[in-house]
PDB file of N, CA and C in Angstrom:
ATOM      1  N   UNK A   1      75.340  41.102 -42.874  1.00  0.00           N
ATOM      2  CA  UNK A   1      75.317  42.535 -42.644  1.00  0.00           C
ATOM      3  C   UNK A   1      74.620  43.227 -43.799  1.00  0.00           C
ATOM      4  N   UNK A   2      73.989  44.360 -43.500  1.00  0.00           N
ATOM      5  CA  UNK A   2      73.407  45.211 -44.534  1.00  0.00           C
ATOM      6  C   UNK A   2      74.334  46.395 -44.756  1.00  0.00           C
ATOM      7  N   UNK A   3      74.391  46.843 -46.010  1.00  0.00           N
ATOM      8  CA  UNK A   3      75.107  48.072 -46.323  1.00  0.00           C
ATOM      9  C   UNK A   3      74.269  48.864 -47.308  1.00  0.00           C
ATOM     10  N   UNK A   4      74.061  50.136 -46.988  1.00  0.00           N
ATOM     11  CA  UNK A   4      73.288  51.046 -47.832  1.00  0.00           C
ATOM     12  C   UNK A   4      74.231  52.110 -48.354  1.00  0.00           C
ATOM     13  N   UNK A   5      74.262  52.254 -49.662  1.00  0.00           N
ATOM     14  CA  UNK A   5      75.086  53.312 -50.249  1.00  0.00           C
ATOM     15  C   UNK A   5      74.325  53.940 -51.393  1.00  0.00           C
ATOM     16  N   UNK A   6      74.825  55.035 -51.875  1.00  0.00           N
ATOM     17  CA  UNK A   6      74.212  55.716 -53.010  1.00  0.00           C
ATOM     18  C   UNK A   6      74.956  55.404 -54.292  1.00  0.00           C
ATOM     19  N   UNK A   7      75.801  54.386 -54.267  1.00  0.00           N
ATOM     20  CA  UNK A   7      76.656  54.103 -55.412  1.00  0.00           C
ATOM     21  C   UNK A   7      75.976  53.444 -56.582  1.00  0.00           C
ATOM     22  N   UNK A   8      74.883  52.716 -56.336  1.00  0.00           N
ATOM     23  CA  UNK A   8      74.195  52.067 -57.444  1.00  0.00           C
ATOM     24  C   UNK A   8      72.715  51.985 -57.139  1.00  0.00           C
ATOM     25  N   UNK A   9      71.972  51.473 -58.077  1.00  0.00           N
ATOM     26  CA  UNK A   9      70.530  51.298 -57.922  1.00  0.00           C
ATOM     27  C   UNK A   9      69.859  52.638 -57.676  1.00  0.00           C
ATOM     28  N   UNK A  10      68.721  52.622 -57.024  1.00  0.00           N
ATOM     29  CA  UNK A  10      67.978  53.854 -56.781  1.00  0.00           C
ATOM     30  C   UNK A  10      68.184  54.400 -55.380  1.00  0.00           C
ATOM     31  N   UNK A  11      69.084  53.796 -54.614  1.00  0.00           N
ATOM     32  CA  UNK A  11      69.338  54.269 -53.254  1.00  0.00           C
ATOM     33  C   UNK A  11      68.390  53.714 -52.223  1.00  0.00           C
ATOM     34  N   UNK A  12      67.419  52.887 -52.636  1.00  0.00           N
ATOM     35  CA  UNK A  12      66.477  52.344 -51.665  1.00  0.00           C
ATOM     36  C   UNK A  12      66.686  50.854 -51.429  1.00  0.00           C
ATOM     37  N   UNK A  13      67.666  50.256 -52.063  1.00  0.00           N
ATOM     38  CA  UNK A  13      67.905  48.819 -51.931  1.00  0.00           C
ATOM     39  C   UNK A  13      69.209  48.555 -51.193  1.00  0.00           C
ATOM     40  N   UNK A  14      69.106  48.173 -49.921  1.00  0.00           N
ATOM     41  CA  UNK A  14      70.337  47.858 -49.199  1.00  0.00           C
ATOM     42  C   UNK A  14      70.871  46.506 -49.660  1.00  0.00           C
ATOM     43  N   UNK A  15      72.164  46.368 -49.645  1.00  0.00           N
ATOM     44  CA  UNK A  15      72.800  45.106 -50.001  1.00  0.00           C
ATOM     45  C   UNK A  15      73.002  44.302 -48.725  1.00  0.00           C
ATOM     46  N   UNK A  16      72.793  42.993 -48.798  1.00  0.00           N
ATOM     47  CA  UNK A  16      72.977  42.115 -47.651  1.00  0.00           C
ATOM     48  C   UNK A  16      74.105  41.141 -47.979  1.00  0.00           C
ATOM     49  N   UNK A  17      75.078  41.056 -47.089  1.00  0.00           N
ATOM     50  CA  UNK A  17      76.249  40.214 -47.286  1.00  0.00           C
ATOM     51  C   UNK A  17      76.440  39.304 -46.076  1.00  0.00           C
ATOM     52  N   UNK A  18      76.994  38.119 -46.281  1.00  0.00           N
ATOM     53  CA  UNK A  18      77.389  37.315 -45.117  1.00  0.00           C
ATOM     54  C   UNK A  18      78.402  38.109 -44.276  1.00  0.00           C
ATOM     55  N   UNK A  19      78.346  37.949 -42.974  1.00  0.00           N
ATOM     56  CA  UNK A  19      79.265  38.670 -42.084  1.00  0.00           C
ATOM     57  C   UNK A  19      80.699  38.462 -42.551  1.00  0.00           C
ATOM     58  N   UNK A  20      81.431  39.567 -42.669  1.00  0.00           N
ATOM     59  CA  UNK A  20      82.829  39.517 -43.069  1.00  0.00           C
ATOM     60  C   UNK A  20      83.080  39.603 -44.559  1.00  0.00           C
ATOM     61  N   UNK A  21      82.039  39.516 -45.389  1.00  0.00           N
ATOM     62  CA  UNK A  21      82.224  39.574 -46.838  1.00  0.00           C
ATOM     63  C   UNK A  21      82.288  40.995 -47.386  1.00  0.00           C
ATOM     64  N   UNK A  22      81.940  41.975 -46.599  1.00  0.00           N
ATOM     65  CA  UNK A  22      82.002  43.373 -47.017  1.00  0.00           C
ATOM     66  C   UNK A  22      82.828  44.115 -45.986  1.00  0.00           C
ATOM     67  N   UNK A  23      83.865  44.776 -46.433  1.00  0.00           N
ATOM     68  CA  UNK A  23      84.768  45.487 -45.521  1.00  0.00           C
ATOM     69  C   UNK A  23      84.308  46.933 -45.386  1.00  0.00           C
ATOM     70  N   UNK A  24      84.037  47.360 -44.148  1.00  0.00           N
ATOM     71  CA  UNK A  24      83.675  48.747 -43.896  1.00  0.00           C
ATOM     72  C   UNK A  24      84.925  49.540 -43.546  1.00  0.00           C
ATOM     73  N   UNK A  25      84.783  50.861 -43.597  1.00  0.00           N
ATOM     74  CA  UNK A  25      85.918  51.741 -43.306  1.00  0.00           C
ATOM     75  C   UNK A  25      85.389  53.016 -42.658  1.00  0.00           C
ATOM     76  N   UNK A  26      86.261  54.014 -42.555  1.00  0.00           N
ATOM     77  CA  UNK A  26      85.851  55.300 -41.998  1.00  0.00           C
ATOM     78  C   UNK A  26      84.863  56.008 -42.929  1.00  0.00           C
ATOM     79  N   UNK A  27      84.649  55.474 -44.117  1.00  0.00           N
ATOM     80  CA  UNK A  27      83.667  56.031 -45.050  1.00  0.00           C
ATOM     81  C   UNK A  27      82.269  55.485 -44.794  1.00  0.00           C
ATOM     82  N   UNK A  28      82.110  54.680 -43.727  1.00  0.00           N
ATOM     83  CA  UNK A  28      80.824  54.060 -43.400  1.00  0.00           C
ATOM     84  C   UNK A  28      80.431  54.376 -41.963  1.00  0.00           C
ATOM     85  N   UNK A  29      79.107  54.433 -41.724  1.00  0.00           N
ATOM     86  CA  UNK A  29      78.539  54.676 -40.403  1.00  0.00           C
ATOM     87  C   UNK A  29      77.764  53.426 -39.986  1.00  0.00           C
ATOM     88  N   UNK A  30      78.003  52.936 -38.763  1.00  0.00           N
ATOM     89  CA  UNK A  30      77.228  51.815 -38.232  1.00  0.00           C
ATOM     90  C   UNK A  30      75.987  52.403 -37.584  1.00  0.00           C
ATOM     91  N   UNK A  31      74.813  52.131 -38.168  1.00  0.00           N
ATOM     92  CA  UNK A  31      73.570  52.710 -37.662  1.00  0.00           C
ATOM     93  C   UNK A  31      72.965  51.910 -36.525  1.00  0.00           C
ATOM     94  N   UNK A  32      72.961  50.580 -36.670  1.00  0.00           N
ATOM     95  CA  UNK A  32      72.298  49.740 -35.671  1.00  0.00           C
ATOM     96  C   UNK A  32      72.598  48.281 -35.952  1.00  0.00           C
ATOM     97  N   UNK A  33      72.222  47.445 -34.994  1.00  0.00           N
ATOM     98  CA  UNK A  33      72.216  45.998 -35.191  1.00  0.00           C
ATOM     99  C   UNK A  33      70.762  45.566 -35.180  1.00  0.00           C
ATOM    100  N   UNK A  34      70.314  44.974 -36.276  1.00  0.00           N
ATOM    101  CA  UNK A  34      68.928  44.548 -36.408  1.00  0.00           C
ATOM    102  C   UNK A  34      68.734  43.174 -35.791  1.00  0.00           C
ATOM    103  N   UNK A  35      67.665  43.015 -35.040  1.00  0.00           N
ATOM    104  CA  UNK A  35      67.301  41.725 -34.466  1.00  0.00           C
ATOM    105  C   UNK A  35      66.161  41.174 -35.316  1.00  0.00           C
ATOM    106  N   UNK A  36      66.394  39.998 -35.900  1.00  0.00           N
ATOM    107  CA  UNK A  36      65.435  39.398 -36.825  1.00  0.00           C
ATOM    108  C   UNK A  36      65.033  38.030 -36.294  1.00  0.00           C
ATOM    109  N   UNK A  37      63.725  37.780 -36.271  1.00  0.00           N
ATOM    110  CA  UNK A  37      63.249  36.466 -35.836  1.00  0.00           C
ATOM    111  C   UNK A  37      63.890  35.376 -36.682  1.00  0.00           C
ATOM    112  N   UNK A  38      64.194  34.273 -36.077  1.00  0.00           N
ATOM    113  CA  UNK A  38      64.774  33.088 -36.717  1.00  0.00           C
ATOM    114  C   UNK A  38      66.206  33.296 -37.215  1.00  0.00           C
ATOM    115  N   UNK A  39      66.846  34.383 -36.783  1.00  0.00           N
ATOM    116  CA  UNK A  39      68.264  34.613 -37.084  1.00  0.00           C
ATOM    117  C   UNK A  39      68.981  34.683 -35.747  1.00  0.00           C
ATOM    118  N   UNK A  40      70.015  33.870 -35.594  1.00  0.00           N
ATOM    119  CA  UNK A  40      70.680  33.723 -34.296  1.00  0.00           C
ATOM    120  C   UNK A  40      71.352  34.996 -33.782  1.00  0.00           C
ATOM    121  N   UNK A  41      72.048  35.714 -34.650  1.00  0.00           N
ATOM    122  CA  UNK A  41      72.818  36.874 -34.210  1.00  0.00           C
ATOM    123  C   UNK A  41      72.259  38.152 -34.816  1.00  0.00           C
ATOM    124  N   UNK A  42      72.437  39.276 -34.126  1.00  0.00           N
ATOM    125  CA  UNK A  42      72.011  40.553 -34.710  1.00  0.00           C
ATOM    126  C   UNK A  42      72.735  40.803 -36.040  1.00  0.00           C
ATOM    127  N   UNK A  43      72.079  41.551 -36.910  1.00  0.00           N
ATOM    128  CA  UNK A  43      72.622  41.853 -38.233  1.00  0.00           C
ATOM    129  C   UNK A  43      73.014  43.320 -38.269  1.00  0.00           C
ATOM    130  N   UNK A  44      74.285  43.598 -38.462  1.00  0.00           N
ATOM    131  CA  UNK A  44      74.767  44.979 -38.526  1.00  0.00           C
ATOM    132  C   UNK A  44      74.205  45.706 -39.730  1.00  0.00           C
ATOM    133  N   UNK A  45      73.859  46.978 -39.541  1.00  0.00           N
ATOM    134  CA  UNK A  45      73.380  47.814 -40.640  1.00  0.00           C
ATOM    135  C   UNK A  45      74.311  49.002 -40.756  1.00  0.00           C
ATOM    136  N   UNK A  46      74.939  49.122 -41.900  1.00  0.00           N
ATOM    137  CA  UNK A  46      75.923  50.160 -42.176  1.00  0.00           C
ATOM    138  C   UNK A  46      75.443  51.021 -43.341  1.00  0.00           C
ATOM    139  N   UNK A  47      75.910  52.249 -43.375  1.00  0.00           N
ATOM    140  CA  UNK A  47      75.562  53.166 -44.457  1.00  0.00           C
ATOM    141  C   UNK A  47      76.782  54.017 -44.772  1.00  0.00           C
ATOM    142  N   UNK A  48      76.962  54.323 -46.047  1.00  0.00           N
ATOM    143  CA  UNK A  48      78.073  55.201 -46.410  1.00  0.00           C
ATOM    144  C   UNK A  48      77.839  56.573 -45.786  1.00  0.00           C
ATOM    145  N   UNK A  49      78.918  57.248 -45.429  1.00  0.00           N
ATOM    146  CA  UNK A  49      78.825  58.567 -44.797  1.00  0.00           C
ATOM    147  C   UNK A  49      78.045  59.530 -45.685  1.00  0.00           C
ATOM    148  N   UNK A  50      78.300  59.504 -46.990  1.00  0.00           N
ATOM    149  CA  UNK A  50      77.611  60.428 -47.894  1.00  0.00           C
ATOM    150  C   UNK A  50      76.111  60.144 -47.934  1.00  0.00           C
ATOM    151  N   UNK A  51      75.717  58.877 -47.931  1.00  0.00           N
ATOM    152  CA  UNK A  51      74.295  58.524 -47.916  1.00  0.00           C
ATOM    153  C   UNK A  51      73.671  58.917 -46.576  1.00  0.00           C
ATOM    154  N   UNK A  52      74.409  58.727 -45.484  1.00  0.00           N
ATOM    155  CA  UNK A  52      73.917  59.095 -44.157  1.00  0.00           C
ATOM    156  C   UNK A  52      73.573  60.582 -44.090  1.00  0.00           C
ATOM    157  N   UNK A  53      74.360  61.417 -44.721  1.00  0.00           N
ATOM    158  CA  UNK A  53      74.081  62.854 -44.712  1.00  0.00           C
ATOM    159  C   UNK A  53      72.708  63.157 -45.298  1.00  0.00           C
ATOM    160  N   UNK A  54      72.280  62.397 -46.289  1.00  0.00           N
ATOM    161  CA  UNK A  54      70.949  62.581 -46.877  1.00  0.00           C
ATOM    162  C   UNK A  54      69.847  62.006 -45.994  1.00  0.00           C
ATOM    163  N   UNK A  55      70.130  60.912 -45.306  1.00  0.00           N
ATOM    164  CA  UNK A  55      69.089  60.154 -44.621  1.00  0.00           C
ATOM    165  C   UNK A  55      69.094  60.295 -43.094  1.00  0.00           C
ATOM    166  N   UNK A  56      69.951  61.107 -42.532  1.00  0.00           N
ATOM    167  CA  UNK A  56      70.080  61.145 -41.076  1.00  0.00           C
ATOM    168  C   UNK A  56      68.833  61.667 -40.366  1.00  0.00           C
ATOM    169  N   UNK A  57      67.934  62.305 -41.077  1.00  0.00           N
ATOM    170  CA  UNK A  57      66.698  62.817 -40.477  1.00  0.00           C
ATOM    171  C   UNK A  57      65.513  61.887 -40.719  1.00  0.00           C
ATOM    172  N   UNK A  58      65.803  60.630 -41.057  1.00  0.00           N
ATOM    173  CA  UNK A  58      64.719  59.708 -41.382  1.00  0.00           C
ATOM    174  C   UNK A  58      64.758  58.446 -40.532  1.00  0.00           C
ATOM    175  N   UNK A  59      63.570  57.916 -40.277  1.00  0.00           N
ATOM    176  CA  UNK A  59      63.411  56.612 -39.648  1.00  0.00           C
ATOM    177  C   UNK A  59      63.403  55.603 -40.784  1.00  0.00           C
ATOM    178  N   UNK A  60      64.279  54.622 -40.736  1.00  0.00           N
ATOM    179  CA  UNK A  60      64.407  53.638 -41.808  1.00  0.00           C
ATOM    180  C   UNK A  60      63.852  52.297 -41.370  1.00  0.00           C
ATOM    181  N   UNK A  61      63.146  51.640 -42.275  1.00  0.00           N
ATOM    182  CA  UNK A  61      62.641  50.295 -42.062  1.00  0.00           C
ATOM    183  C   UNK A  61      63.147  49.425 -43.197  1.00  0.00           C
ATOM    184  N   UNK A  62      63.770  48.297 -42.857  1.00  0.00           N
ATOM    185  CA  UNK A  62      64.206  47.338 -43.873  1.00  0.00           C
ATOM    186  C   UNK A  62      63.042  46.385 -44.107  1.00  0.00           C
ATOM    187  N   UNK A  63      62.619  46.276 -45.362  1.00  0.00           N
ATOM    188  CA  UNK A  63      61.491  45.434 -45.716  1.00  0.00           C
ATOM    189  C   UNK A  63      61.936  44.434 -46.777  1.00  0.00           C
ATOM    190  N   UNK A  64      61.121  43.398 -46.977  1.00  0.00           N
ATOM    191  CA  UNK A  64      61.358  42.403 -48.020  1.00  0.00           C
ATOM    192  C   UNK A  64      60.151  42.422 -48.942  1.00  0.00           C
ATOM    193  N   UNK A  65      60.408  42.552 -50.250  1.00  0.00           N
ATOM    194  CA  UNK A  65      59.331  42.578 -51.238  1.00  0.00           C
ATOM    195  C   UNK A  65      59.655  41.609 -52.362  1.00  0.00           C
ATOM    196  N   UNK A  66      58.626  41.157 -53.069  1.00  0.00           N
ATOM    197  CA  UNK A  66      58.862  40.296 -54.218  1.00  0.00           C
ATOM    198  C   UNK A  66      59.546  41.093 -55.317  1.00  0.00           C
ATOM    199  N   UNK A  67      60.398  40.428 -56.053  1.00  0.00           N
ATOM    200  CA  UNK A  67      61.085  41.088 -57.159  1.00  0.00           C
ATOM    201  C   UNK A  67      62.541  40.719 -57.182  1.00  0.00           C
ATOM    202  N   UNK A  68      63.208  41.193 -58.179  1.00  0.00           N
ATOM    203  CA  UNK A  68      64.619  40.878 -58.381  1.00  0.00           C
ATOM    204  C   UNK A  68      65.469  42.024 -57.865  1.00  0.00           C
ATOM    205  N   UNK A  69      66.389  41.710 -56.993  1.00  0.00           N
ATOM    206  CA  UNK A  69      67.316  42.697 -56.476  1.00  0.00           C
ATOM    207  C   UNK A  69      68.645  42.614 -57.194  1.00  0.00           C
ATOM    208  N   UNK A  70      69.658  43.127 -56.567  1.00  0.00           N
ATOM    209  CA  UNK A  70      71.003  43.092 -57.124  1.00  0.00           C
ATOM    210  C   UNK A  70      71.562  41.673 -57.067  1.00  0.00           C
ATOM    211  N   UNK A  71      72.325  41.297 -58.051  1.00  0.00           N
ATOM    212  CA  UNK A  71      72.957  39.983 -58.061  1.00  0.00           C
ATOM    213  C   UNK A  71      74.035  39.823 -57.016  1.00  0.00           C
ATOM    214  N   UNK A  72      74.431  40.910 -56.344  1.00  0.00           N
ATOM    215  CA  UNK A  72      75.496  40.849 -55.343  1.00  0.00           C
ATOM    216  C   UNK A  72      74.962  40.574 -53.946  1.00  0.00           C
ATOM    217  N   UNK A  73      73.681  40.747 -53.726  1.00  0.00           N
ATOM    218  CA  UNK A  73      73.094  40.643 -52.404  1.00  0.00           C
ATOM    219  C   UNK A  73      72.566  39.230 -52.170  1.00  0.00           C
ATOM    220  N   UNK A  74      72.588  38.758 -50.914  1.00  0.00           N
ATOM    221  CA  UNK A  74      72.278  37.356 -50.611  1.00  0.00           C
ATOM    222  C   UNK A  74      70.858  36.940 -50.967  1.00  0.00           C
ATOM    223  N   UNK A  75      69.928  37.871 -51.053  1.00  0.00           N
ATOM    224  CA  UNK A  75      68.553  37.489 -51.338  1.00  0.00           C
ATOM    225  C   UNK A  75      68.276  37.288 -52.821  1.00  0.00           C
ATOM    226  N   UNK A  76      69.208  37.611 -53.693  1.00  0.00           N
ATOM    227  CA  UNK A  76      68.987  37.589 -55.141  1.00  0.00           C
ATOM    228  C   UNK A  76      68.379  36.285 -55.662  1.00  0.00           C
ATOM    229  N   UNK A  77      68.853  35.108 -55.267  1.00  0.00           N
ATOM    230  CA  UNK A  77      68.266  33.887 -55.833  1.00  0.00           C
ATOM    231  C   UNK A  77      66.909  33.497 -55.224  1.00  0.00           C
ATOM    232  N   UNK A  78      66.420  34.257 -54.265  1.00  0.00           N
ATOM    233  CA  UNK A  78      65.183  33.909 -53.557  1.00  0.00           C
ATOM    234  C   UNK A  78      63.921  34.506 -54.171  1.00  0.00           C
ATOM    235  N   UNK A  79      64.059  35.343 -55.209  1.00  0.00           N
ATOM    236  CA  UNK A  79      62.883  35.964 -55.818  1.00  0.00           C
ATOM    237  C   UNK A  79      62.321  37.124 -55.023  1.00  0.00           C
ATOM    238  N   UNK A  80      63.121  37.633 -54.093  1.00  0.00           N
ATOM    239  CA  UNK A  80      62.741  38.790 -53.289  1.00  0.00           C
ATOM    240  C   UNK A  80      63.918  39.760 -53.267  1.00  0.00           C
ATOM    241  N   UNK A  81      63.632  40.949 -52.782  1.00  0.00           N
ATOM    242  CA  UNK A  81      64.710  41.921 -52.594  1.00  0.00           C
ATOM    243  C   UNK A  81      64.425  42.721 -51.341  1.00  0.00           C
ATOM    244  N   UNK A  82      65.475  43.278 -50.788  1.00  0.00           N
ATOM    245  CA  UNK A  82      65.322  44.147 -49.629  1.00  0.00           C
ATOM    246  C   UNK A  82      65.014  45.551 -50.129  1.00  0.00           C
ATOM    247  N   UNK A  83      64.231  46.270 -49.346  1.00  0.00           N
ATOM    248  CA  UNK A  83      63.812  47.618 -49.700  1.00  0.00           C
ATOM    249  C   UNK A  83      63.832  48.471 -48.449  1.00  0.00           C
ATOM    250  N   UNK A  84      64.290  49.705 -48.570  1.00  0.00           N
ATOM    251  CA  UNK A  84      64.266  50.657 -47.464  1.00  0.00           C
ATOM    252  C   UNK A  84      63.001  51.509 -47.587  1.00  0.00           C
ATOM    253  N   UNK A  85      62.240  51.531 -46.521  1.00  0.00           N
ATOM    254  CA  UNK A  85      61.100  52.447 -46.429  1.00  0.00           C
ATOM    255  C   UNK A  85      61.501  53.507 -45.413  1.00  0.00           C
ATOM    256  N   UNK A  86      61.111  54.737 -45.663  1.00  0.00           N
ATOM    257  CA  UNK A  86      61.558  55.808 -44.770  1.00  0.00           C
ATOM    258  C   UNK A  86      60.457  56.831 -44.534  1.00  0.00           C
ATOM    259  N   UNK A  87      60.608  57.518 -43.419  1.00  0.00           N
ATOM    260  CA  UNK A  87      59.770  58.667 -43.104  1.00  0.00           C
ATOM    261  C   UNK A  87      60.645  59.647 -42.331  1.00  0.00           C
ATOM    262  N   UNK A  88      60.342  60.924 -42.456  1.00  0.00           N
ATOM    263  CA  UNK A  88      61.088  61.922 -41.699  1.00  0.00           C
ATOM    264  C   UNK A  88      60.803  61.769 -40.211  1.00  0.00           C
ATOM    265  N   UNK A  89      61.845  61.965 -39.405  1.00  0.00           N
ATOM    266  CA  UNK A  89      61.627  62.021 -37.965  1.00  0.00           C
ATOM    267  C   UNK A  89      60.733  63.209 -37.650  1.00  0.00           C
ATOM    268  N   UNK A  90      59.937  63.087 -36.613  1.00  0.00           N
ATOM    269  CA  UNK A  90      59.179  64.240 -36.114  1.00  0.00           C
ATOM    270  C   UNK A  90      60.183  65.201 -35.477  1.00  0.00           C
ATOM    271  N   UNK A  91      59.734  66.418 -35.219  1.00  0.00           N
ATOM    272  CA  UNK A  91      60.605  67.383 -34.547  1.00  0.00           C
ATOM    273  C   UNK A  91      61.057  66.846 -33.195  1.00  0.00           C
ATOM    274  N   UNK A  92      60.155  66.149 -32.489  1.00  0.00           N
ATOM    275  CA  UNK A  92      60.486  65.596 -31.178  1.00  0.00           C
ATOM    276  C   UNK A  92      61.544  64.497 -31.304  1.00  0.00           C
ATOM    277  N   UNK A  93      61.400  63.625 -32.294  1.00  0.00           N
ATOM    278  CA  UNK A  93      62.393  62.565 -32.503  1.00  0.00           C
ATOM    279  C   UNK A  93      63.744  63.158 -32.866  1.00  0.00           C
ATOM    280  N   UNK A  94      63.745  64.160 -33.739  1.00  0.00           N
ATOM    281  CA  UNK A  94      65.004  64.810 -34.125  1.00  0.00           C
ATOM    282  C   UNK A  94      65.688  65.429 -32.916  1.00  0.00           C
ATOM    283  N   UNK A  95      64.902  66.095 -32.075  1.00  0.00           N
ATOM    284  CA  UNK A  95      65.471  66.724 -30.872  1.00  0.00           C
ATOM    285  C   UNK A  95      66.045  65.671 -29.936  1.00  0.00           C
ATOM    286  N   UNK A  96      65.329  64.538 -29.767  1.00  0.00           N
ATOM    287  CA  UNK A  96      65.806  63.472 -28.876  1.00  0.00           C
ATOM    288  C   UNK A  96      67.111  62.869 -29.380  1.00  0.00           C
ATOM    289  N   UNK A  97      67.307  62.890 -30.696  1.00  0.00           N
ATOM    290  CA  UNK A  97      68.535  62.349 -31.281  1.00  0.00           C
ATOM    291  C   UNK A  97      69.626  63.402 -31.426  1.00  0.00           C
ATOM    292  N   UNK A  98      69.326  64.638 -31.040  1.00  0.00           N
ATOM    293  CA  UNK A  98      70.310  65.713 -31.141  1.00  0.00           C
ATOM    294  C   UNK A  98      70.518  66.200 -32.558  1.00  0.00           C
ATOM    295  N   UNK A  99      69.495  66.031 -33.408  1.00  0.00           N
ATOM    296  CA  UNK A  99      69.582  66.468 -34.801  1.00  0.00           C
ATOM    297  C   UNK A  99      68.835  67.776 -34.974  1.00  0.00           C
ATOM    298  N   UNK A 100      69.386  68.648 -35.777  1.00  0.00           N
ATOM    299  CA  UNK A 100      68.686  69.863 -36.138  1.00  0.00           C
ATOM    300  C   UNK A 100      67.620  69.490 -37.165  1.00  0.00           C
ATOM    301  N   UNK A 101      66.439  70.089 -37.073  1.00  0.00           N
ATOM    302  CA  UNK A 101      65.374  69.794 -38.036  1.00  0.00           C
ATOM    303  C   UNK A 101      65.863  70.104 -39.447  1.00  0.00           C
ATOM    304  N   UNK A 102      65.537  69.235 -40.416  1.00  0.00           N
ATOM    305  CA  UNK A 102      65.996  69.470 -41.787  1.00  0.00           C
ATOM    306  C   UNK A 102      65.304  70.664 -42.425  1.00  0.00           C
ATOM    307  N   UNK A 103      65.988  71.308 -43.338  1.00  0.00           N
ATOM    308  CA  UNK A 103      65.399  72.401 -44.109  1.00  0.00           C
ATOM    309  C   UNK A 103      64.488  71.796 -45.164  1.00  0.00           C
ATOM    310  N   UNK A 104      63.287  72.324 -45.304  1.00  0.00           N
ATOM    311  CA  UNK A 104      62.361  71.810 -46.312  1.00  0.00           C
ATOM    312  C   UNK A 104      62.050  72.846 -47.375  1.00  0.00           C
ATOM    313  N   UNK A 105      62.529  74.009 -47.247  1.00  0.00           N
ATOM    314  CA  UNK A 105      62.323  75.039 -48.237  1.00  0.00           C
ATOM    315  C   UNK A 105      63.106  76.274 -47.837  1.00  0.00           C
ATOM    316  N   UNK A 106      63.163  77.274 -48.702  1.00  0.00           N
ATOM    317  CA  UNK A 106      63.916  78.490 -48.376  1.00  0.00           C
ATOM    318  C   UNK A 106      63.431  79.127 -47.084  1.00  0.00           C
ATOM    319  N   UNK A 107      64.305  79.152 -46.092  1.00  0.00           N
ATOM    320  CA  UNK A 107      64.014  79.827 -44.836  1.00  0.00           C
ATOM    321  C   UNK A 107      63.035  79.104 -43.921  1.00  0.00           C
ATOM    322  N   UNK A 108      62.639  77.877 -44.251  1.00  0.00           N
ATOM    323  CA  UNK A 108      61.697  77.153 -43.396  1.00  0.00           C
ATOM    324  C   UNK A 108      62.319  75.859 -42.899  1.00  0.00           C
ATOM    325  N   UNK A 109      61.713  75.295 -41.876  1.00  0.00           N
ATOM    326  CA  UNK A 109      62.155  73.997 -41.371  1.00  0.00           C
ATOM    327  C   UNK A 109      60.962  73.076 -41.261  1.00  0.00           C
ATOM    328  N   UNK A 110      61.226  71.802 -41.117  1.00  0.00           N
ATOM    329  CA  UNK A 110      60.170  70.781 -40.959  1.00  0.00           C
ATOM    330  C   UNK A 110      59.477  70.952 -39.640  1.00  0.00           C
TER     331      UNK A 110
END
């Protein structure tokens, strides 16, 4: 499973844990189950509620890049780390998801 929180790092590195090794609660939001080639079962993606409030208007992509990640995440000994890439939803995507367009400045919207 992946879990994204704002508790450590720069907020762009999701942690990956074997299923059942990280306990979620009402403080977490289940965003989706990721389907990954060569992995038998979907991988749950969770985010802390507080982090979700910042990122709910964005399309997120989980990527793998070379480098050292957190020692707590499963990819740490592999010489790679997971990285979140994001872009704001378009107005049409936000409307389809029932989200109000985010504020981008005083009195304006995206």
